[in-house]
Amino acid sequence: MNLPLSLKPVNEGVFAVLDAAGQHVGYLKRIGAVWKFKAVGTTISGEVEPGGGPLTAQHNMVFERPDAAEVSAGLLAG
């Protein structure tokens, strides 16, 4: 996964994080004064797997703001 991610507003404190193909890979949630990435994946049977998916290693990464370019750079680095 090396293409930019996009953010889709869910509510005032949550954005869905989508990969370049539009697949849901996590959430960006405002927790206090920071935004934390919460990875999401799905099991083989299609159930949601919190903390799973292709960005599991970045689960709980902190961001200052919900900016798609910054989130992409942080989550996709390395």
PDB file of N, CA and C in Angstrom:
ATOM      1  N   MET A   1       0.857  -1.170   0.000  1.00  0.00           N
ATOM      2  CA  MET A   1       0.000   0.000   0.000  1.00  0.00           C
ATOM      3  C   MET A   1       0.902   1.232   0.000  1.00  0.00           C
ATOM      4  N   ASN A   2       1.000   1.916  -1.112  1.00  0.00           N
ATOM      5  CA  ASN A   2       1.869   3.093  -1.176  1.00  0.00           C
ATOM      6  C   ASN A   2       1.178   4.304  -1.796  1.00  0.00           C
ATOM      7  N   LEU A   3      -0.088   4.194  -2.093  1.00  0.00           N
ATOM      8  CA  LEU A   3      -0.835   5.330  -2.617  1.00  0.00           C
ATOM      9  C   LEU A   3      -1.471   6.086  -1.460  1.00  0.00           C
ATOM     10  N   PRO A   4      -1.779   7.350  -1.658  1.00  0.00           N
ATOM     11  CA  PRO A   4      -2.349   8.148  -0.573  1.00  0.00           C
ATOM     12  C   PRO A   4      -3.668   7.595  -0.039  1.00  0.00           C
ATOM     13  N   LEU A   5      -3.877   7.861   1.233  1.00  0.00           N
ATOM     14  CA  LEU A   5      -5.115   7.503   1.904  1.00  0.00           C
ATOM     15  C   LEU A   5      -6.053   8.700   1.864  1.00  0.00           C
ATOM     16  N   SER A   6      -7.329   8.454   2.042  1.00  0.00           N
ATOM     17  CA  SER A   6      -8.289   9.551   2.114  1.00  0.00           C
ATOM     18  C   SER A   6      -9.061   9.442   3.423  1.00  0.00           C
ATOM     19  N   LEU A   7      -9.643  10.565   3.822  1.00  0.00           N
ATOM     20  CA  LEU A   7     -10.426  10.627   5.055  1.00  0.00           C
ATOM     21  C   LEU A   7     -11.868  10.959   4.707  1.00  0.00           C
ATOM     22  N   LYS A   8     -12.787  10.212   5.285  1.00  0.00           N
ATOM     23  CA  LYS A   8     -14.216  10.447   5.055  1.00  0.00           C
ATOM     24  C   LYS A   8     -14.864  10.717   6.414  1.00  0.00           C
ATOM     25  N   PRO A   9     -15.451  11.906   6.593  1.00  0.00           N
ATOM     26  CA  PRO A   9     -16.063  12.222   7.892  1.00  0.00           C
ATOM     27  C   PRO A   9     -17.165  11.239   8.267  1.00  0.00           C
ATOM     28  N   VAL A  10     -17.142  10.798   9.524  1.00  0.00           N
ATOM     29  CA  VAL A  10     -18.198   9.948  10.079  1.00  0.00           C
ATOM     30  C   VAL A  10     -19.053  10.795  11.010  1.00  0.00           C
ATOM     31  N   ASN A  11     -18.388  11.546  11.879  1.00  0.00           N
ATOM     32  CA  ASN A  11     -19.040  12.519  12.751  1.00  0.00           C
ATOM     33  C   ASN A  11     -17.984  13.546  13.164  1.00  0.00           C
ATOM     34  N   GLU A  12     -18.300  14.408  14.099  1.00  0.00           N
ATOM     35  CA  GLU A  12     -17.393  15.501  14.459  1.00  0.00           C
ATOM     36  C   GLU A  12     -16.026  15.035  14.955  1.00  0.00           C
ATOM     37  N   GLY A  13     -15.955  13.884  15.572  1.00  0.00           N
ATOM     38  CA  GLY A  13     -14.700  13.411  16.139  1.00  0.00           C
ATOM     39  C   GLY A  13     -14.134  12.162  15.504  1.00  0.00           C
ATOM     40  N   VAL A  14     -14.682  11.739  14.354  1.00  0.00           N
ATOM     41  CA  VAL A  14     -14.236  10.489  13.726  1.00  0.00           C
ATOM     42  C   VAL A  14     -14.208  10.626  12.208  1.00  0.00           C
ATOM     43  N   PHE A  15     -13.128  10.132  11.611  1.00  0.00           N
ATOM     44  CA  PHE A  15     -13.013  10.018  10.158  1.00  0.00           C
ATOM     45  C   PHE A  15     -12.710   8.566   9.825  1.00  0.00           C
ATOM     46  N   ALA A  16     -13.336   8.033   8.794  1.00  0.00           N
ATOM     47  CA  ALA A  16     -12.960   6.732   8.261  1.00  0.00           C
ATOM     48  C   ALA A  16     -11.730   6.953   7.391  1.00  0.00           C
ATOM     49  N   VAL A  17     -10.754   6.054   7.497  1.00  0.00           N
ATOM     50  CA  VAL A  17      -9.547   6.119   6.682  1.00  0.00           C
ATOM     51  C   VAL A  17      -9.688   5.068   5.583  1.00  0.00           C
ATOM     52  N   LEU A  18      -9.592   5.528   4.334  1.00  0.00           N
ATOM     53  CA  LEU A  18      -9.773   4.651   3.173  1.00  0.00           C
ATOM     54  C   LEU A  18      -8.495   4.580   2.367  1.00  0.00           C
ATOM     55  N   ASP A  19      -8.189   3.392   1.838  1.00  0.00           N
ATOM     56  CA  ASP A  19      -7.018   3.279   0.969  1.00  0.00           C
ATOM     57  C   ASP A  19      -7.364   3.778  -0.431  1.00  0.00           C
ATOM     58  N   ALA A  20      -6.409   3.730  -1.339  1.00  0.00           N
ATOM     59  CA  ALA A  20      -6.603   4.270  -2.690  1.00  0.00           C
ATOM     60  C   ALA A  20      -7.724   3.571  -3.449  1.00  0.00           C
ATOM     61  N   ALA A  21      -8.036   2.318  -3.069  1.00  0.00           N
ATOM     62  CA  ALA A  21      -9.114   1.578  -3.719  1.00  0.00           C
ATOM     63  C   ALA A  21     -10.461   1.808  -3.035  1.00  0.00           C
ATOM     64  N   GLY A  22     -10.472   2.651  -1.999  1.00  0.00           N
ATOM     65  CA  GLY A  22     -11.710   2.930  -1.293  1.00  0.00           C
ATOM     66  C   GLY A  22     -12.035   1.936  -0.189  1.00  0.00           C
ATOM     67  N   GLN A  23     -11.090   1.047   0.126  1.00  0.00           N
ATOM     68  CA  GLN A  23     -11.301   0.058   1.189  1.00  0.00           C
ATOM     69  C   GLN A  23     -11.063   0.693   2.548  1.00  0.00           C
ATOM     70  N   HIS A  24     -11.914   0.385   3.491  1.00  0.00           N
ATOM     71  CA  HIS A  24     -11.813   0.926   4.851  1.00  0.00           C
ATOM     72  C   HIS A  24     -10.671   0.223   5.584  1.00  0.00           C
ATOM     73  N   VAL A  25      -9.673   0.997   6.029  1.00  0.00           N
ATOM     74  CA  VAL A  25      -8.516   0.419   6.722  1.00  0.00           C
ATOM     75  C   VAL A  25      -8.397   0.900   8.162  1.00  0.00           C
ATOM     76  N   GLY A  26      -9.289   1.815   8.581  1.00  0.00           N
ATOM     77  CA  GLY A  26      -9.244   2.271   9.962  1.00  0.00           C
ATOM     78  C   GLY A  26     -10.037   3.541  10.182  1.00  0.00           C
ATOM     79  N   TYR A  27      -9.873   4.069  11.383  1.00  0.00           N
ATOM     80  CA  TYR A  27     -10.518   5.316  11.776  1.00  0.00           C
ATOM     81  C   TYR A  27      -9.478   6.269  12.329  1.00  0.00           C
ATOM     82  N   LEU A  28      -9.741   7.538  12.188  1.00  0.00           N
ATOM     83  CA  LEU A  28      -8.979   8.572  12.866  1.00  0.00           C
ATOM     84  C   LEU A  28      -9.952   9.159  13.872  1.00  0.00           C
ATOM     85  N   LYS A  29      -9.634   8.981  15.174  1.00  0.00           N
ATOM     86  CA  LYS A  29     -10.561   9.406  16.228  1.00  0.00           C
ATOM     87  C   LYS A  29      -9.913  10.472  17.097  1.00  0.00           C
ATOM     88  N   ARG A  30     -10.695  11.510  17.391  1.00  0.00           N
ATOM     89  CA  ARG A  30     -10.188  12.542  18.292  1.00  0.00           C
ATOM     90  C   ARG A  30     -10.329  12.027  19.714  1.00  0.00           C
ATOM     91  N   ILE A  31      -9.198  11.978  20.401  1.00  0.00           N
ATOM     92  CA  ILE A  31      -9.162  11.541  21.796  1.00  0.00           C
ATOM     93  C   ILE A  31      -8.432  12.634  22.562  1.00  0.00           C
ATOM     94  N   GLY A  32      -9.178  13.407  23.300  1.00  0.00           N
ATOM     95  CA  GLY A  32      -8.601  14.560  23.980  1.00  0.00           C
ATOM     96  C   GLY A  32      -8.166  15.593  22.958  1.00  0.00           C
ATOM     97  N   ALA A  33      -6.895  15.985  23.026  1.00  0.00           N
ATOM     98  CA  ALA A  33      -6.370  17.017  22.124  1.00  0.00           C
ATOM     99  C   ALA A  33      -5.678  16.444  20.892  1.00  0.00           C
ATOM    100  N   VAL A  34      -5.639  15.116  20.757  1.00  0.00           N
ATOM    101  CA  VAL A  34      -4.937  14.500  19.629  1.00  0.00           C
ATOM    102  C   VAL A  34      -5.883  13.611  18.825  1.00  0.00           C
ATOM    103  N   TRP A  35      -5.431  13.239  17.654  1.00  0.00           N
ATOM    104  CA  TRP A  35      -6.158  12.309  16.788  1.00  0.00           C
ATOM    105  C   TRP A  35      -5.372  11.012  16.750  1.00  0.00           C
ATOM    106  N   LYS A  36      -6.037   9.890  17.015  1.00  0.00           N
ATOM    107  CA  LYS A  36      -5.383   8.581  17.003  1.00  0.00           C
ATOM    108  C   LYS A  36      -5.950   7.724  15.881  1.00  0.00           C
ATOM    109  N   PHE A  37      -5.036   7.026  15.223  1.00  0.00           N
ATOM    110  CA  PHE A  37      -5.433   6.089  14.188  1.00  0.00           C
ATOM    111  C   PHE A  37      -5.801   4.767  14.833  1.00  0.00           C
ATOM    112  N   LYS A  38      -6.943   4.239  14.460  1.00  0.00           N
ATOM    113  CA  LYS A  38      -7.410   2.938  14.936  1.00  0.00           C
ATOM    114  C   LYS A  38      -7.562   2.021  13.730  1.00  0.00           C
ATOM    115  N   ALA A  39      -6.640   1.069  13.607  1.00  0.00           N
ATOM    116  CA  ALA A  39      -6.654   0.147  12.472  1.00  0.00           C
ATOM    117  C   ALA A  39      -7.894  -0.744  12.516  1.00  0.00           C
ATOM    118  N   VAL A  40      -8.381  -1.108  11.341  1.00  0.00           N
ATOM    119  CA  VAL A  40      -9.537  -1.998  11.206  1.00  0.00           C
ATOM    120  C   VAL A  40      -9.278  -2.943  10.049  1.00  0.00           C
ATOM    121  N   GLY A  41      -9.593  -4.184  10.271  1.00  0.00           N
ATOM    122  CA  GLY A  41      -9.502  -5.180   9.210  1.00  0.00           C
ATOM    123  C   GLY A  41     -10.762  -6.025   9.220  1.00  0.00           C
ATOM    124  N   THR A  42     -10.782  -7.031   8.382  1.00  0.00           N
ATOM    125  CA  THR A  42     -11.899  -7.971   8.375  1.00  0.00           C
ATOM    126  C   THR A  42     -11.353  -9.394   8.379  1.00  0.00           C
ATOM    127  N   THR A  43     -12.086 -10.271   9.028  1.00  0.00           N
ATOM    128  CA  THR A  43     -11.701 -11.675   9.058  1.00  0.00           C
ATOM    129  C   THR A  43     -12.116 -12.334   7.743  1.00  0.00           C
ATOM    130  N   ILE A  44     -11.727 -13.552   7.548  1.00  0.00           N
ATOM    131  CA  ILE A  44     -12.089 -14.300   6.344  1.00  0.00           C
ATOM    132  C   ILE A  44     -13.610 -14.408   6.218  1.00  0.00           C
ATOM    133  N   SER A  45     -14.294 -14.482   7.356  1.00  0.00           N
ATOM    134  CA  SER A  45     -15.761 -14.589   7.329  1.00  0.00           C
ATOM    135  C   SER A  45     -16.452 -13.231   7.216  1.00  0.00           C
ATOM    136  N   GLY A  46     -15.652 -12.134   7.092  1.00  0.00           N
ATOM    137  CA  GLY A  46     -16.218 -10.814   6.881  1.00  0.00           C
ATOM    138  C   GLY A  46     -16.518 -10.017   8.136  1.00  0.00           C
ATOM    139  N   GLU A  47     -16.132 -10.538   9.303  1.00  0.00           N
ATOM    140  CA  GLU A  47     -16.364  -9.812  10.547  1.00  0.00           C
ATOM    141  C   GLU A  47     -15.297  -8.735  10.734  1.00  0.00           C
ATOM    142  N   VAL A  48     -15.690  -7.610  11.341  1.00  0.00           N
ATOM    143  CA  VAL A  48     -14.759  -6.511  11.599  1.00  0.00           C
ATOM    144  C   VAL A  48     -13.760  -6.947  12.668  1.00  0.00           C
ATOM    145  N   GLU A  49     -12.495  -6.632  12.420  1.00  0.00           N
ATOM    146  CA  GLU A  49     -11.424  -6.991  13.340  1.00  0.00           C
ATOM    147  C   GLU A  49     -10.720  -5.717  13.817  1.00  0.00           C
ATOM    148  N   PRO A  50     -11.147  -5.156  14.969  1.00  0.00           N
ATOM    149  CA  PRO A  50     -10.496  -3.958  15.485  1.00  0.00           C
ATOM    150  C   PRO A  50      -9.000  -4.194  15.700  1.00  0.00           C
ATOM    151  N   GLY A  51      -8.184  -3.238  15.288  1.00  0.00           N
ATOM    152  CA  GLY A  51      -6.734  -3.361  15.426  1.00  0.00           C
ATOM    153  C   GLY A  51      -6.092  -4.217  14.354  1.00  0.00           C
ATOM    154  N   GLY A  52      -6.868  -4.712  13.409  1.00  0.00           N
ATOM    155  CA  GLY A  52      -6.348  -5.592  12.375  1.00  0.00           C
ATOM    156  C   GLY A  52      -6.170  -4.875  11.045  1.00  0.00           C
ATOM    157  N   GLY A  53      -6.009  -5.655  10.010  1.00  0.00           N
ATOM    158  CA  GLY A  53      -5.890  -5.104   8.664  1.00  0.00           C
ATOM    159  C   GLY A  53      -4.468  -4.756   8.268  1.00  0.00           C
ATOM    160  N   PRO A  54      -4.317  -4.128   7.108  1.00  0.00           N
ATOM    161  CA  PRO A  54      -2.992  -3.873   6.551  1.00  0.00           C
ATOM    162  C   PRO A  54      -2.177  -2.823   7.314  1.00  0.00           C
ATOM    163  N   LEU A  55      -2.820  -2.045   8.182  1.00  0.00           N
ATOM    164  CA  LEU A  55      -2.090  -1.005   8.927  1.00  0.00           C
ATOM    165  C   LEU A  55      -2.054  -1.299  10.427  1.00  0.00           C
ATOM    166  N   THR A  56      -2.086  -2.580  10.781  1.00  0.00           N
ATOM    167  CA  THR A  56      -2.056  -2.997  12.186  1.00  0.00           C
ATOM    168  C   THR A  56      -0.875  -2.396  12.933  1.00  0.00           C
ATOM    169  N   ALA A  57       0.287  -2.363  12.325  1.00  0.00           N
ATOM    170  CA  ALA A  57       1.497  -1.862  12.996  1.00  0.00           C
ATOM    171  C   ALA A  57       1.391  -0.378  13.350  1.00  0.00           C
ATOM    172  N   GLN A  58       0.489   0.342  12.692  1.00  0.00           N
ATOM    173  CA  GLN A  58       0.343   1.767  12.946  1.00  0.00           C
ATOM    174  C   GLN A  58      -0.822   2.077  13.896  1.00  0.00           C
ATOM    175  N   HIS A  59      -1.464   1.038  14.424  1.00  0.00           N
ATOM    176  CA  HIS A  59      -2.596   1.221  15.344  1.00  0.00           C
ATOM    177  C   HIS A  59      -2.155   2.116  16.505  1.00  0.00           C
ATOM    178  N   ASN A  60      -2.953   3.114  16.816  1.00  0.00           N
ATOM    179  CA  ASN A  60      -2.709   4.100  17.880  1.00  0.00           C
ATOM    180  C   ASN A  60      -1.688   5.172  17.528  1.00  0.00           C
ATOM    181  N   MET A  61      -1.267   5.266  16.259  1.00  0.00           N
ATOM    182  CA  MET A  61      -0.382   6.360  15.853  1.00  0.00           C
ATOM    183  C   MET A  61      -1.126   7.675  16.065  1.00  0.00           C
ATOM    184  N   VAL A  62      -0.415   8.684  16.565  1.00  0.00           N
ATOM    185  CA  VAL A  62      -1.023   9.962  16.924  1.00  0.00           C
ATOM    186  C   VAL A  62      -0.757  11.022  15.856  1.00  0.00           C
ATOM    187  N   PHE A  63      -1.776  11.828  15.582  1.00  0.00           N
ATOM    188  CA  PHE A  63      -1.687  12.938  14.638  1.00  0.00           C
ATOM    189  C   PHE A  63      -2.230  14.197  15.297  1.00  0.00           C
ATOM    190  N   GLU A  64      -1.752  15.353  14.853  1.00  0.00           N
ATOM    191  CA  GLU A  64      -2.213  16.624  15.406  1.00  0.00           C
ATOM    192  C   GLU A  64      -3.565  17.043  14.847  1.00  0.00           C
ATOM    193  N   ARG A  65      -3.844  16.636  13.627  1.00  0.00           N
ATOM    194  CA  ARG A  65      -5.085  17.059  12.972  1.00  0.00           C
ATOM    195  C   ARG A  65      -5.491  16.022  11.913  1.00  0.00           C
ATOM    196  N   PRO A  66      -6.733  16.029  11.494  1.00  0.00           N
ATOM    197  CA  PRO A  66      -7.189  15.106  10.456  1.00  0.00           C
ATOM    198  C   PRO A  66      -6.871  15.639   9.060  1.00  0.00           C
ATOM    199  N   ASP A  67      -5.638  15.538   8.656  1.00  0.00           N
ATOM    200  CA  ASP A  67      -5.180  16.007   7.350  1.00  0.00           C
ATOM    201  C   ASP A  67      -4.767  14.780   6.533  1.00  0.00           C
ATOM    202  N   ALA A  68      -5.418  14.554   5.398  1.00  0.00           N
ATOM    203  CA  ALA A  68      -5.181  13.339   4.603  1.00  0.00           C
ATOM    204  C   ALA A  68      -3.721  13.188   4.195  1.00  0.00           C
ATOM    205  N   ALA A  69      -3.057  14.275   3.818  1.00  0.00           N
ATOM    206  CA  ALA A  69      -1.650  14.189   3.399  1.00  0.00           C
ATOM    207  C   ALA A  69      -0.762  13.792   4.570  1.00  0.00           C
ATOM    208  N   GLU A  70      -0.999  14.391   5.730  1.00  0.00           N
ATOM    209  CA  GLU A  70      -0.195  14.057   6.915  1.00  0.00           C
ATOM    210  C   GLU A  70      -0.462  12.629   7.385  1.00  0.00           C
ATOM    211  N   VAL A  71      -1.717  12.230   7.376  1.00  0.00           N
ATOM    212  CA  VAL A  71      -2.066  10.887   7.791  1.00  0.00           C
ATOM    213  C   VAL A  71      -1.454   9.859   6.835  1.00  0.00           C
ATOM    214  N   SER A  72      -1.543  10.114   5.537  1.00  0.00           N
ATOM    215  CA  SER A  72      -0.924   9.216   4.551  1.00  0.00           C
ATOM    216  C   SER A  72       0.571   9.100   4.770  1.00  0.00           C
ATOM    217  N   ALA A  73       1.233  10.247   4.944  1.00  0.00           N
ATOM    218  CA  ALA A  73       2.684  10.247   5.132  1.00  0.00           C
ATOM    219  C   ALA A  73       3.063   9.462   6.395  1.00  0.00           C
ATOM    220  N   GLY A  74       2.324   9.660   7.480  1.00  0.00           N
ATOM    221  CA  GLY A  74       2.635   8.952   8.716  1.00  0.00           C
ATOM    222  C   GLY A  74       2.347   7.472   8.655  1.00  0.00           C
ATOM    223  N   LEU A  75       1.181   7.116   8.151  1.00  0.00           N
ATOM    224  CA  LEU A  75       0.783   5.699   8.149  1.00  0.00           C
ATOM    225  C   LEU A  75       1.509   4.883   7.087  1.00  0.00           C
ATOM    226  N   LEU A  76       1.891   5.508   5.981  1.00  0.00           N
ATOM    227  CA  LEU A  76       2.501   4.751   4.883  1.00  0.00           C
ATOM    228  C   LEU A  76       4.016   4.829   4.857  1.00  0.00           C
ATOM    229  N   ALA A  77       4.627   5.568   5.798  1.00  0.00           N
ATOM    230  CA  ALA A  77       6.096   5.663   5.849  1.00  0.00           C
ATOM    231  C   ALA A  77       6.661   4.301   6.253  1.00  0.00           C
ATOM    232  N   GLY A  78       7.639   3.853   5.505  1.00  0.00           N
ATOM    233  CA  GLY A  78       8.292   2.587   5.853  1.00  0.00           C
ATOM    234  C   GLY A  78       7.548   1.469   5.328  1.00  0.00           C
TER     235      GLY A  78
END
